[in-house]
Amino acid sequence: MGAAESCHLSRRAILAAPLALAACGFTPAYAPGAGADRLVGAIWVQDPTDKNGFDLVERLEERLGRPRDIRYDLAYTITTEAVGVGITSDNRITRYNLKGVVEYRLTERATGARVAGGRVQSFTAYSATGSTVAGLAAEEDAATRLMYILADQIVARLIAASASWR
């Protein structure tokens, strides 16, 4: 089989993939009436109490929409830790990993029943070299990126779980 035939076969496979997925019962997450569609605008996220909470809530609302027809409440706990990973020969830290964990719980507002929940974790890094102002800006940027990553993980898990909700 030549390169042209191989390329032609892979194009056919790519074009046929959506049909194969539809045949096995695959439904796009954001299709009307699908799991994710039921989440948009339906989740009230716990009010933030600090900058990390604000960034997490901002991203969750960006992805799930501002609450308007509230059916679920999302509570969360954020834990972060900065760990020095780049150390010079004179024992100065030049780089940090910012580790973060969010434990979350989604409850149905009408019944108070737990619908979903769990724990997500990730990390980002930032440089501690340069001026104090640059270091603080890098740390704040890393914290914002971390909260966005964690929020995206929560949304992905909620979307996956929502397909099985009534």
Protein backbone atom coordinates (compact mmCIF):
# COMPACT_ATOMS: atom_id res chain seq x y z
CA MET A 1 0.00 0.00 0.00
CA GLY A 2 1.45 3.36 -1.00
CA ALA A 3 1.50 6.60 0.95
CA ALA A 4 -1.41 8.04 -1.05
CA GLU A 5 -3.59 4.98 -0.35
CA SER A 6 -2.69 5.06 3.34
CA CYS A 7 -3.60 8.75 3.55
CA HIS A 8 -6.88 8.10 1.74
CA LEU A 9 -7.78 5.31 4.18
CA SER A 10 -7.04 7.47 7.23
CA ARG A 11 -9.24 10.28 5.85
CA ARG A 12 -12.08 7.78 5.40
CA ALA A 13 -11.62 6.55 8.96
CA ILE A 14 -11.74 10.11 10.31
CA LEU A 15 -14.88 10.91 8.34
CA ALA A 16 -16.56 7.67 9.46
CA ALA A 17 -15.70 8.12 13.16
CA PRO A 18 -18.69 10.38 13.98
CA LEU A 19 -21.05 7.87 12.37
CA ALA A 20 -19.55 5.02 14.37
CA LEU A 21 -19.89 7.03 17.60
CA ALA A 22 -23.51 7.88 16.84
CA ALA A 23 -24.27 4.23 16.18
CA CYS A 24 -23.02 3.21 19.64
CA GLY A 25 -25.20 5.77 21.44
CA PHE A 26 -22.68 8.60 21.77
CA THR A 27 -24.35 11.97 22.38
CA PRO A 28 -22.44 15.25 22.42
CA ALA A 29 -22.25 16.59 25.98
CA TYR A 30 -23.72 19.99 25.03
CA ALA A 31 -26.49 18.68 22.76
CA PRO A 32 -29.97 19.90 23.68
CA GLY A 33 -31.20 17.81 26.62
CA ALA A 34 -27.79 16.18 27.15
CA GLY A 35 -26.01 16.15 30.51
CA ALA A 36 -23.96 19.32 30.15
CA ASP A 37 -26.90 21.24 28.71
CA ARG A 38 -28.74 20.69 32.02
CA LEU A 39 -25.82 22.20 33.96
CA VAL A 40 -25.60 25.53 32.15
CA GLY A 41 -26.96 28.24 34.43
CA ALA A 42 -28.19 25.66 36.95
CA ILE A 43 -25.32 25.64 39.48
CA TRP A 44 -24.82 28.15 42.27
CA VAL A 45 -21.17 28.08 43.32
CA GLN A 46 -20.28 28.86 46.94
CA ASP A 47 -19.25 32.50 47.40
CA PRO A 48 -15.47 32.99 47.31
CA THR A 49 -13.63 34.16 50.41
CA ASP A 50 -10.19 34.83 48.91
CA LYS A 51 -8.40 35.42 45.59
CA ASN A 52 -8.08 31.70 44.80
CA GLY A 53 -11.79 31.22 45.44
CA PHE A 54 -12.64 34.21 43.27
CA ASP A 55 -10.56 32.84 40.38
CA LEU A 56 -12.07 29.36 40.76
CA VAL A 57 -15.66 30.69 40.81
CA GLU A 58 -14.95 33.02 37.90
CA ARG A 59 -13.78 30.12 35.73
CA LEU A 60 -16.61 27.82 36.83
CA GLU A 61 -19.17 30.48 35.92
CA GLU A 62 -17.37 31.15 32.65
CA ARG A 63 -17.70 27.46 31.74
CA LEU A 64 -21.11 26.70 33.28
CA GLY A 65 -22.80 30.09 32.97
CA ARG A 66 -23.98 32.46 35.67
CA PRO A 67 -26.67 30.87 37.85
CA ARG A 68 -30.20 31.75 36.71
CA ASP A 69 -32.33 28.59 37.10
CA ILE A 70 -30.56 27.15 40.15
CA ARG A 71 -31.01 23.41 40.71
CA TYR A 72 -27.63 22.56 42.25
CA ASP A 73 -25.25 24.00 44.85
CA LEU A 74 -21.50 23.53 44.52
CA ALA A 75 -19.39 23.74 47.68
CA TYR A 76 -15.60 23.56 47.57
CA THR A 77 -12.46 23.68 49.69
CA ILE A 78 -9.18 24.87 48.18
CA THR A 79 -5.75 23.91 49.48
CA THR A 80 -2.52 25.21 47.94
CA GLU A 81 1.14 24.74 48.74
CA ALA A 82 4.23 26.35 47.21
CA VAL A 83 7.22 24.01 47.00
CA GLY A 84 10.69 25.25 46.11
CA VAL A 85 12.10 23.21 43.23
CA GLY A 86 14.92 25.32 41.81
CA ILE A 87 17.70 25.90 44.33
CA THR A 88 21.03 27.60 43.66
CA SER A 89 24.37 26.52 45.13
CA ASP A 90 24.02 29.24 47.80
CA ASN A 91 20.62 27.81 48.82
CA ARG A 92 18.34 30.42 47.20
CA ILE A 93 15.06 29.19 45.70
CA THR A 94 14.66 30.31 42.10
CA ARG A 95 11.57 28.35 41.07
CA TYR A 96 8.44 27.16 42.81
CA ASN A 97 5.78 24.59 42.02
CA LEU A 98 2.38 25.70 43.23
CA LYS A 99 0.35 22.60 44.05
CA GLY A 100 -3.39 22.84 44.45
CA VAL A 101 -6.25 20.59 45.52
CA VAL A 102 -9.96 21.32 45.38
CA GLU A 103 -12.43 19.07 47.13
CA TYR A 104 -15.93 19.73 45.83
CA ARG A 105 -19.46 18.59 46.43
CA LEU A 106 -22.50 19.15 44.22
CA THR A 107 -25.88 18.83 45.91
CA GLU A 108 -29.38 19.01 44.51
CA ARG A 109 -30.96 22.14 45.94
CA ALA A 110 -34.49 20.71 46.23
CA THR A 111 -33.53 17.58 48.17
CA GLY A 112 -30.08 18.33 49.59
CA ALA A 113 -28.90 15.02 48.12
CA ARG A 114 -25.28 14.74 47.03
CA VAL A 115 -25.23 14.38 43.25
CA ALA A 116 -21.50 14.47 42.57
CA GLY A 117 -18.25 15.30 44.26
CA GLY A 118 -14.64 14.49 44.52
CA ARG A 119 -11.15 15.87 44.51
CA VAL A 120 -9.12 17.42 41.72
CA GLN A 121 -5.46 18.36 41.84
CA SER A 122 -2.80 19.90 39.68
CA PHE A 123 0.17 22.24 39.80
CA THR A 124 1.72 25.21 38.05
CA ALA A 125 5.15 26.74 38.39
CA TYR A 126 6.66 30.18 38.57
CA SER A 127 10.06 31.80 38.70
CA ALA A 128 11.26 33.59 41.80
CA THR A 129 14.13 35.40 40.07
CA GLY A 130 14.09 39.09 39.32
CA SER A 131 12.57 41.88 41.39
CA THR A 132 10.17 41.41 44.28
CA VAL A 133 7.34 42.87 42.22
CA ALA A 134 8.07 40.48 39.32
CA GLY A 135 8.17 37.54 41.72
CA LEU A 136 4.83 38.48 43.28
CA ALA A 137 3.26 38.95 39.84
CA ALA A 138 4.56 35.54 38.72
CA GLU A 139 3.18 33.92 41.88
CA GLU A 140 -0.25 35.52 41.41
CA ASP A 141 -0.34 34.50 37.74
CA ALA A 142 0.55 30.92 38.66
CA ALA A 143 -2.23 30.84 41.27
CA THR A 144 -4.79 32.12 38.74
CA ARG A 145 -3.70 29.53 36.15
CA LEU A 146 -3.91 26.80 38.79
CA MET A 147 -7.49 27.76 39.75
CA TYR A 148 -8.51 27.74 36.08
CA ILE A 149 -6.99 24.28 35.60
CA LEU A 150 -8.77 22.95 38.69
CA ALA A 151 -12.08 24.53 37.66
CA ASP A 152 -11.80 22.96 34.21
CA GLN A 153 -11.22 19.56 35.83
CA ILE A 154 -14.32 20.00 38.00
CA VAL A 155 -16.42 20.96 34.98
CA ALA A 156 -15.17 17.96 33.00
CA ARG A 157 -16.10 15.62 35.86
CA LEU A 158 -19.51 17.23 36.31
CA ILE A 159 -20.25 16.92 32.60
CA ALA A 160 -19.20 13.27 32.60
CA ALA A 161 -21.31 12.50 35.68
CA SER A 162 -24.35 14.49 34.52
CA ALA A 163 -25.21 11.99 31.81
CA SER A 164 -26.39 9.56 34.50
CA TRP A 165 -28.52 12.08 36.46
CA ARG A 166 -32.27 12.06 36.06
